[in-house]
């Protein structure tokens, strides 16, 4: 048996919705193990993939349209407490 790890959501009907299609062929049935995070397992630094992609797209847009700051300016005040 081959294992593939991916992410997804459970909708209001209890159906599993994958974040992206699986790249497999000729498989009619699969076995699913669903790992549901406990409240203590939730990491506030784990952003959903959609949020990460939107941030990357926004950053790319800002870069190609010249909406950037010099690196030296980004470090200004970093050591101020």
PDB file of N, CA and C in Angstrom:
ATOM      1  N   UNK A   1       0.848  -1.179   0.000  1.00  0.00           N
ATOM      2  CA  UNK A   1       0.000   0.000   0.000  1.00  0.00           C
ATOM      3  C   UNK A   1       0.893   1.243   0.000  1.00  0.00           C
ATOM      4  N   UNK A   2       0.533   2.229  -0.784  1.00  0.00           N
ATOM      5  CA  UNK A   2       1.266   3.484  -0.907  1.00  0.00           C
ATOM      6  C   UNK A   2       0.561   4.553  -0.079  1.00  0.00           C
ATOM      7  N   UNK A   3       1.327   5.389   0.630  1.00  0.00           N
ATOM      8  CA  UNK A   3       0.746   6.465   1.443  1.00  0.00           C
ATOM      9  C   UNK A   3       0.974   7.807   0.763  1.00  0.00           C
ATOM     10  N   UNK A   4      -0.045   8.645   0.760  1.00  0.00           N
ATOM     11  CA  UNK A   4       0.033  10.008   0.233  1.00  0.00           C
ATOM     12  C   UNK A   4      -0.501  10.924   1.317  1.00  0.00           C
ATOM     13  N   UNK A   5       0.281  11.923   1.682  1.00  0.00           N
ATOM     14  CA  UNK A   5      -0.187  12.884   2.685  1.00  0.00           C
ATOM     15  C   UNK A   5      -0.641  14.159   1.999  1.00  0.00           C
ATOM     16  N   UNK A   6      -1.793  14.660   2.385  1.00  0.00           N
ATOM     17  CA  UNK A   6      -2.333  15.895   1.849  1.00  0.00           C
ATOM     18  C   UNK A   6      -3.184  16.554   2.926  1.00  0.00           C
ATOM     19  N   UNK A   7      -3.761  17.671   2.614  1.00  0.00           N
ATOM     20  CA  UNK A   7      -4.617  18.367   3.569  1.00  0.00           C
ATOM     21  C   UNK A   7      -5.983  18.595   2.938  1.00  0.00           C
ATOM     22  N   UNK A   8      -6.935  18.906   3.769  1.00  0.00           N
ATOM     23  CA  UNK A   8      -8.278  19.156   3.282  1.00  0.00           C
ATOM     24  C   UNK A   8      -9.161  19.639   4.410  1.00  0.00           C
ATOM     25  N   UNK A   9     -10.448  19.708   4.137  1.00  0.00           N
ATOM     26  CA  UNK A   9     -11.431  20.174   5.110  1.00  0.00           C
ATOM     27  C   UNK A   9     -12.618  19.222   5.104  1.00  0.00           C
ATOM     28  N   UNK A  10     -13.349  19.235   6.187  1.00  0.00           N
ATOM     29  CA  UNK A  10     -14.615  18.511   6.259  1.00  0.00           C
ATOM     30  C   UNK A  10     -15.718  19.555   6.116  1.00  0.00           C
ATOM     31  N   UNK A  11     -16.607  19.357   5.130  1.00  0.00           N
ATOM     32  CA  UNK A  11     -17.673  20.343   4.924  1.00  0.00           C
ATOM     33  C   UNK A  11     -18.829  20.100   5.879  1.00  0.00           C
ATOM     34  N   UNK A  12     -19.865  20.917   5.776  1.00  0.00           N
ATOM     35  CA  UNK A  12     -20.995  20.829   6.705  1.00  0.00           C
ATOM     36  C   UNK A  12     -21.819  19.551   6.526  1.00  0.00           C
ATOM     37  N   UNK A  13     -21.567  18.801   5.457  1.00  0.00           N
ATOM     38  CA  UNK A  13     -22.244  17.521   5.254  1.00  0.00           C
ATOM     39  C   UNK A  13     -21.372  16.346   5.688  1.00  0.00           C
ATOM     40  N   UNK A  14     -20.191  16.649   6.247  1.00  0.00           N
ATOM     41  CA  UNK A  14     -19.279  15.599   6.675  1.00  0.00           C
ATOM     42  C   UNK A  14     -18.442  15.014   5.555  1.00  0.00           C
ATOM     43  N   UNK A  15     -18.434  15.676   4.398  1.00  0.00           N
ATOM     44  CA  UNK A  15     -17.670  15.200   3.252  1.00  0.00           C
ATOM     45  C   UNK A  15     -16.252  15.762   3.302  1.00  0.00           C
ATOM     46  N   UNK A  16     -15.287  14.935   2.933  1.00  0.00           N
ATOM     47  CA  UNK A  16     -13.890  15.345   2.894  1.00  0.00           C
ATOM     48  C   UNK A  16     -13.610  16.076   1.585  1.00  0.00           C
ATOM     49  N   UNK A  17     -13.095  17.306   1.682  1.00  0.00           N
ATOM     50  CA  UNK A  17     -12.730  18.104   0.508  1.00  0.00           C
ATOM     51  C   UNK A  17     -11.225  18.317   0.541  1.00  0.00           C
ATOM     52  N   UNK A  18     -10.501  17.760  -0.426  1.00  0.00           N
ATOM     53  CA  UNK A  18      -9.049  17.904  -0.467  1.00  0.00           C
ATOM     54  C   UNK A  18      -8.670  19.282  -0.991  1.00  0.00           C
ATOM     55  N   UNK A  19      -7.541  19.810  -0.493  1.00  0.00           N
ATOM     56  CA  UNK A  19      -7.070  21.120  -0.942  1.00  0.00           C
ATOM     57  C   UNK A  19      -6.605  21.096  -2.391  1.00  0.00           C
ATOM     58  N   UNK A  20      -6.171  19.952  -2.861  1.00  0.00           N
ATOM     59  CA  UNK A  20      -5.746  19.821  -4.262  1.00  0.00           C
ATOM     60  C   UNK A  20      -5.971  18.382  -4.713  1.00  0.00           C
ATOM     61  N   UNK A  21      -6.136  18.180  -6.017  1.00  0.00           N
ATOM     62  CA  UNK A  21      -6.358  16.815  -6.512  1.00  0.00           C
ATOM     63  C   UNK A  21      -5.143  15.920  -6.248  1.00  0.00           C
ATOM     64  N   UNK A  22      -5.396  14.645  -6.057  1.00  0.00           N
ATOM     65  CA  UNK A  22      -4.317  13.678  -5.908  1.00  0.00           C
ATOM     66  C   UNK A  22      -3.839  13.247  -7.282  1.00  0.00           C
ATOM     67  N   UNK A  23      -2.541  13.088  -7.431  1.00  0.00           N
ATOM     68  CA  UNK A  23      -1.968  12.680  -8.712  1.00  0.00           C
ATOM     69  C   UNK A  23      -1.813  11.156  -8.725  1.00  0.00           C
ATOM     70  N   UNK A  24      -2.940  10.476  -8.790  1.00  0.00           N
ATOM     71  CA  UNK A  24      -2.930   9.016  -8.856  1.00  0.00           C
ATOM     72  C   UNK A  24      -3.861   8.575  -9.977  1.00  0.00           C
ATOM     73  N   UNK A  25      -3.591   7.398 -10.491  1.00  0.00           N
ATOM     74  CA  UNK A  25      -4.429   6.894 -11.589  1.00  0.00           C
ATOM     75  C   UNK A  25      -4.783   5.427 -11.328  1.00  0.00           C
ATOM     76  N   UNK A  26      -5.907   5.028 -11.854  1.00  0.00           N
ATOM     77  CA  UNK A  26      -6.348   3.629 -11.823  1.00  0.00           C
ATOM     78  C   UNK A  26      -6.614   3.086 -10.424  1.00  0.00           C
ATOM     79  N   UNK A  27      -6.964   3.938  -9.495  1.00  0.00           N
ATOM     80  CA  UNK A  27      -7.336   3.469  -8.165  1.00  0.00           C
ATOM     81  C   UNK A  27      -8.806   3.800  -7.947  1.00  0.00           C
ATOM     82  N   UNK A  28      -9.599   2.790  -7.705  1.00  0.00           N
ATOM     83  CA  UNK A  28     -11.024   3.005  -7.508  1.00  0.00           C
ATOM     84  C   UNK A  28     -11.375   3.281  -6.056  1.00  0.00           C
ATOM     85  N   UNK A  29     -10.726   2.584  -5.125  1.00  0.00           N
ATOM     86  CA  UNK A  29     -11.032   2.745  -3.707  1.00  0.00           C
ATOM     87  C   UNK A  29      -9.751   3.047  -2.960  1.00  0.00           C
ATOM     88  N   UNK A  30      -9.871   3.837  -1.906  1.00  0.00           N
ATOM     89  CA  UNK A  30      -8.726   4.178  -1.068  1.00  0.00           C
ATOM     90  C   UNK A  30      -9.126   4.035   0.396  1.00  0.00           C
ATOM     91  N   UNK A  31      -8.146   3.921   1.256  1.00  0.00           N
ATOM     92  CA  UNK A  31      -8.375   3.938   2.694  1.00  0.00           C
ATOM     93  C   UNK A  31      -7.958   5.309   3.195  1.00  0.00           C
ATOM     94  N   UNK A  32      -8.766   5.905   4.046  1.00  0.00           N
ATOM     95  CA  UNK A  32      -8.528   7.257   4.536  1.00  0.00           C
ATOM     96  C   UNK A  32      -8.324   7.222   6.042  1.00  0.00           C
ATOM     97  N   UNK A  33      -7.292   7.911   6.507  1.00  0.00           N
ATOM     98  CA  UNK A  33      -7.092   8.150   7.933  1.00  0.00           C
ATOM     99  C   UNK A  33      -7.196   9.655   8.119  1.00  0.00           C
ATOM    100  N   UNK A  34      -8.129  10.100   8.924  1.00  0.00           N
ATOM    101  CA  UNK A  34      -8.346  11.532   9.141  1.00  0.00           C
ATOM    102  C   UNK A  34      -7.761  11.908  10.494  1.00  0.00           C
ATOM    103  N   UNK A  35      -6.831  12.851  10.493  1.00  0.00           N
ATOM    104  CA  UNK A  35      -6.236  13.359  11.722  1.00  0.00           C
ATOM    105  C   UNK A  35      -6.842  14.715  12.021  1.00  0.00           C
ATOM    106  N   UNK A  36      -7.567  14.811  13.105  1.00  0.00           N
ATOM    107  CA  UNK A  36      -8.247  16.049  13.492  1.00  0.00           C
ATOM    108  C   UNK A  36      -7.473  16.665  14.649  1.00  0.00           C
ATOM    109  N   UNK A  37      -7.023  17.925  14.513  1.00  0.00           N
ATOM    110  CA  UNK A  37      -6.227  18.522  15.587  1.00  0.00           C
ATOM    111  C   UNK A  37      -7.058  18.762  16.843  1.00  0.00           C
ATOM    112  N   UNK A  38      -6.439  18.520  17.974  1.00  0.00           N
ATOM    113  CA  UNK A  38      -7.019  18.890  19.252  1.00  0.00           C
ATOM    114  C   UNK A  38      -6.805  20.389  19.410  1.00  0.00           C
ATOM    115  N   UNK A  39      -7.543  21.029  20.298  1.00  0.00           N
ATOM    116  CA  UNK A  39      -7.360  22.470  20.528  1.00  0.00           C
ATOM    117  C   UNK A  39      -5.917  22.779  20.898  1.00  0.00           C
ATOM    118  N   UNK A  40      -5.265  21.880  21.637  1.00  0.00           N
ATOM    119  CA  UNK A  40      -3.876  22.115  22.052  1.00  0.00           C
ATOM    120  C   UNK A  40      -2.899  21.893  20.912  1.00  0.00           C
ATOM    121  N   UNK A  41      -3.332  21.231  19.829  1.00  0.00           N
ATOM    122  CA  UNK A  41      -2.462  20.969  18.680  1.00  0.00           C
ATOM    123  C   UNK A  41      -2.439  22.118  17.686  1.00  0.00           C
ATOM    124  N   UNK A  42      -3.344  23.053  17.806  1.00  0.00           N
ATOM    125  CA  UNK A  42      -3.450  24.133  16.823  1.00  0.00           C
ATOM    126  C   UNK A  42      -2.287  25.095  16.997  1.00  0.00           C
ATOM    127  N   UNK A  43      -1.555  25.300  15.929  1.00  0.00           N
ATOM    128  CA  UNK A  43      -0.420  26.212  15.936  1.00  0.00           C
ATOM    129  C   UNK A  43      -0.842  27.483  15.214  1.00  0.00           C
ATOM    130  N   UNK A  44      -0.859  28.624  15.917  1.00  0.00           N
ATOM    131  CA  UNK A  44      -1.303  29.859  15.266  1.00  0.00           C
ATOM    132  C   UNK A  44      -0.402  30.288  14.111  1.00  0.00           C
ATOM    133  N   UNK A  45       0.807  29.689  14.017  1.00  0.00           N
ATOM    134  CA  UNK A  45       1.710  30.014  12.917  1.00  0.00           C
ATOM    135  C   UNK A  45       1.428  29.189  11.671  1.00  0.00           C
ATOM    136  N   UNK A  46       0.544  28.198  11.762  1.00  0.00           N
ATOM    137  CA  UNK A  46       0.187  27.370  10.612  1.00  0.00           C
ATOM    138  C   UNK A  46      -0.947  28.037   9.846  1.00  0.00           C
ATOM    139  N   UNK A  47      -0.588  28.809   8.839  1.00  0.00           N
ATOM    140  CA  UNK A  47      -1.592  29.477   8.022  1.00  0.00           C
ATOM    141  C   UNK A  47      -2.131  28.508   6.972  1.00  0.00           C
ATOM    142  N   UNK A  48      -3.403  28.645   6.629  1.00  0.00           N
ATOM    143  CA  UNK A  48      -3.940  27.826   5.539  1.00  0.00           C
ATOM    144  C   UNK A  48      -3.192  28.099   4.239  1.00  0.00           C
ATOM    145  N   UNK A  49      -3.108  27.101   3.384  1.00  0.00           N
ATOM    146  CA  UNK A  49      -2.379  27.224   2.119  1.00  0.00           C
ATOM    147  C   UNK A  49      -2.880  28.414   1.312  1.00  0.00           C
ATOM    148  N   UNK A  50      -4.193  28.638   1.305  1.00  0.00           N
ATOM    149  CA  UNK A  50      -4.755  29.743   0.533  1.00  0.00           C
ATOM    150  C   UNK A  50      -4.191  31.084   1.022  1.00  0.00           C
ATOM    151  N   UNK A  51      -4.053  31.237   2.342  1.00  0.00           N
ATOM    152  CA  UNK A  51      -3.521  32.473   2.914  1.00  0.00           C
ATOM    153  C   UNK A  51      -2.065  32.659   2.518  1.00  0.00           C
ATOM    154  N   UNK A  52      -1.288  31.590   2.555  1.00  0.00           N
ATOM    155  CA  UNK A  52       0.120  31.657   2.176  1.00  0.00           C
ATOM    156  C   UNK A  52       0.248  32.047   0.701  1.00  0.00           C
ATOM    157  N   UNK A  53      -0.549  31.419  -0.154  1.00  0.00           N
ATOM    158  CA  UNK A  53      -0.497  31.719  -1.591  1.00  0.00           C
ATOM    159  C   UNK A  53      -0.877  33.176  -1.852  1.00  0.00           C
ATOM    160  N   UNK A  54      -1.913  33.671  -1.161  1.00  0.00           N
ATOM    161  CA  UNK A  54      -2.308  35.073  -1.335  1.00  0.00           C
ATOM    162  C   UNK A  54      -1.167  36.001  -0.929  1.00  0.00           C
ATOM    163  N   UNK A  55      -0.466  35.685   0.159  1.00  0.00           N
ATOM    164  CA  UNK A  55       0.659  36.511   0.605  1.00  0.00           C
ATOM    165  C   UNK A  55       1.795  36.517  -0.396  1.00  0.00           C
ATOM    166  N   UNK A  56       2.082  35.357  -0.969  1.00  0.00           N
ATOM    167  CA  UNK A  56       3.138  35.264  -1.982  1.00  0.00           C
ATOM    168  C   UNK A  56       2.749  36.068  -3.217  1.00  0.00           C
ATOM    169  N   UNK A  57       1.498  35.940  -3.644  1.00  0.00           N
ATOM    170  CA  UNK A  57       1.037  36.681  -4.821  1.00  0.00           C
ATOM    171  C   UNK A  57       1.108  38.188  -4.570  1.00  0.00           C
ATOM    172  N   UNK A  58       0.702  38.627  -3.370  1.00  0.00           N
ATOM    173  CA  UNK A  58       0.754  40.050  -3.027  1.00  0.00           C
ATOM    174  C   UNK A  58       2.197  40.540  -3.026  1.00  0.00           C
ATOM    175  N   UNK A  59       3.103  39.761  -2.429  1.00  0.00           N
ATOM    176  CA  UNK A  59       4.515  40.140  -2.399  1.00  0.00           C
ATOM    177  C   UNK A  59       5.112  40.218  -3.793  1.00  0.00           C
ATOM    178  N   UNK A  60       4.760  39.267  -4.653  1.00  0.00           N
ATOM    179  CA  UNK A  60       5.250  39.273  -6.025  1.00  0.00           C
ATOM    180  C   UNK A  60       4.731  40.503  -6.766  1.00  0.00           C
ATOM    181  N   UNK A  61       3.446  40.812  -6.575  1.00  0.00           N
ATOM    182  CA  UNK A  61       2.861  41.997  -7.212  1.00  0.00           C
ATOM    183  C   UNK A  61       3.592  43.265  -6.758  1.00  0.00           C
ATOM    184  N   UNK A  62       3.845  43.381  -5.459  1.00  0.00           N
ATOM    185  CA  UNK A  62       4.547  44.556  -4.940  1.00  0.00           C
ATOM    186  C   UNK A  62       5.958  44.642  -5.504  1.00  0.00           C
ATOM    187  N   UNK A  63       6.624  43.493  -5.650  1.00  0.00           N
ATOM    188  CA  UNK A  63       7.981  43.489  -6.181  1.00  0.00           C
ATOM    189  C   UNK A  63       8.024  43.936  -7.643  1.00  0.00           C
ATOM    190  N   UNK A  64       7.109  43.421  -8.468  1.00  0.00           N
ATOM    191  CA  UNK A  64       7.165  43.768  -9.889  1.00  0.00           C
ATOM    192  C   UNK A  64       6.631  45.172 -10.165  1.00  0.00           C
ATOM    193  N   UNK A  65       5.878  45.741  -9.229  1.00  0.00           N
ATOM    194  CA  UNK A  65       5.383  47.105  -9.428  1.00  0.00           C
ATOM    195  C   UNK A  65       6.236  48.137  -8.683  1.00  0.00           C
ATOM    196  N   UNK A  66       7.355  47.679  -8.115  1.00  0.00           N
ATOM    197  CA  UNK A  66       8.288  48.608  -7.475  1.00  0.00           C
ATOM    198  C   UNK A  66       7.872  49.076  -6.090  1.00  0.00           C
ATOM    199  N   UNK A  67       6.948  48.407  -5.452  1.00  0.00           N
ATOM    200  CA  UNK A  67       6.495  48.793  -4.117  1.00  0.00           C
ATOM    201  C   UNK A  67       7.348  48.085  -3.061  1.00  0.00           C
ATOM    202  N   UNK A  68       8.643  48.380  -3.061  1.00  0.00           N
ATOM    203  CA  UNK A  68       9.567  47.709  -2.152  1.00  0.00           C
ATOM    204  C   UNK A  68      10.339  48.732  -1.324  1.00  0.00           C
ATOM    205  N   UNK A  69      10.986  48.250  -0.278  1.00  0.00           N
ATOM    206  CA  UNK A  69      11.838  49.077   0.569  1.00  0.00           C
ATOM    207  C   UNK A  69      13.257  48.530   0.494  1.00  0.00           C
ATOM    208  N   UNK A  70      14.268  49.406   0.592  1.00  0.00           N
ATOM    209  CA  UNK A  70      15.650  48.903   0.627  1.00  0.00           C
ATOM    210  C   UNK A  70      15.855  48.020   1.861  1.00  0.00           C
ATOM    211  N   UNK A  71      16.653  46.982   1.728  1.00  0.00           N
ATOM    212  CA  UNK A  71      16.906  46.062   2.829  1.00  0.00           C
ATOM    213  C   UNK A  71      17.465  46.787   4.047  1.00  0.00           C
ATOM    214  N   UNK A  72      18.334  47.773   3.824  1.00  0.00           N
ATOM    215  CA  UNK A  72      18.914  48.516   4.942  1.00  0.00           C
ATOM    216  C   UNK A  72      17.826  49.217   5.760  1.00  0.00           C
ATOM    217  N   UNK A  73      16.789  49.675   5.107  1.00  0.00           N
ATOM    218  CA  UNK A  73      15.694  50.347   5.812  1.00  0.00           C
ATOM    219  C   UNK A  73      14.879  49.347   6.641  1.00  0.00           C
ATOM    220  N   UNK A  74      14.782  48.117   6.177  1.00  0.00           N
ATOM    221  CA  UNK A  74      14.038  47.109   6.921  1.00  0.00           C
ATOM    222  C   UNK A  74      14.701  46.782   8.256  1.00  0.00           C
ATOM    223  N   UNK A  75      16.025  46.923   8.331  1.00  0.00           N
ATOM    224  CA  UNK A  75      16.763  46.614   9.558  1.00  0.00           C
ATOM    225  C   UNK A  75      16.785  47.775  10.538  1.00  0.00           C
ATOM    226  N   UNK A  76      16.364  48.952  10.124  1.00  0.00           N
ATOM    227  CA  UNK A  76      16.394  50.114  11.011  1.00  0.00           C
ATOM    228  C   UNK A  76      15.520  49.865  12.232  1.00  0.00           C
ATOM    229  N   UNK A  77      16.079  50.059  13.417  1.00  0.00           N
ATOM    230  CA  UNK A  77      15.331  49.933  14.649  1.00  0.00           C
ATOM    231  C   UNK A  77      15.077  48.515  15.109  1.00  0.00           C
ATOM    232  N   UNK A  78      15.696  47.523  14.441  1.00  0.00           N
ATOM    233  CA  UNK A  78      15.425  46.135  14.800  1.00  0.00           C
ATOM    234  C   UNK A  78      15.925  45.803  16.199  1.00  0.00           C
ATOM    235  N   UNK A  79      16.968  46.481  16.641  1.00  0.00           N
ATOM    236  CA  UNK A  79      17.532  46.197  17.967  1.00  0.00           C
ATOM    237  C   UNK A  79      16.989  47.105  19.052  1.00  0.00           C
ATOM    238  N   UNK A  80      16.091  48.027  18.714  1.00  0.00           N
ATOM    239  CA  UNK A  80      15.514  48.936  19.709  1.00  0.00           C
ATOM    240  C   UNK A  80      14.590  48.153  20.634  1.00  0.00           C
ATOM    241  N   UNK A  81      14.735  48.387  21.923  1.00  0.00           N
ATOM    242  CA  UNK A  81      13.848  47.716  22.895  1.00  0.00           C
ATOM    243  C   UNK A  81      12.994  48.698  23.616  1.00  0.00           C
TER     244      UNK A  81
END
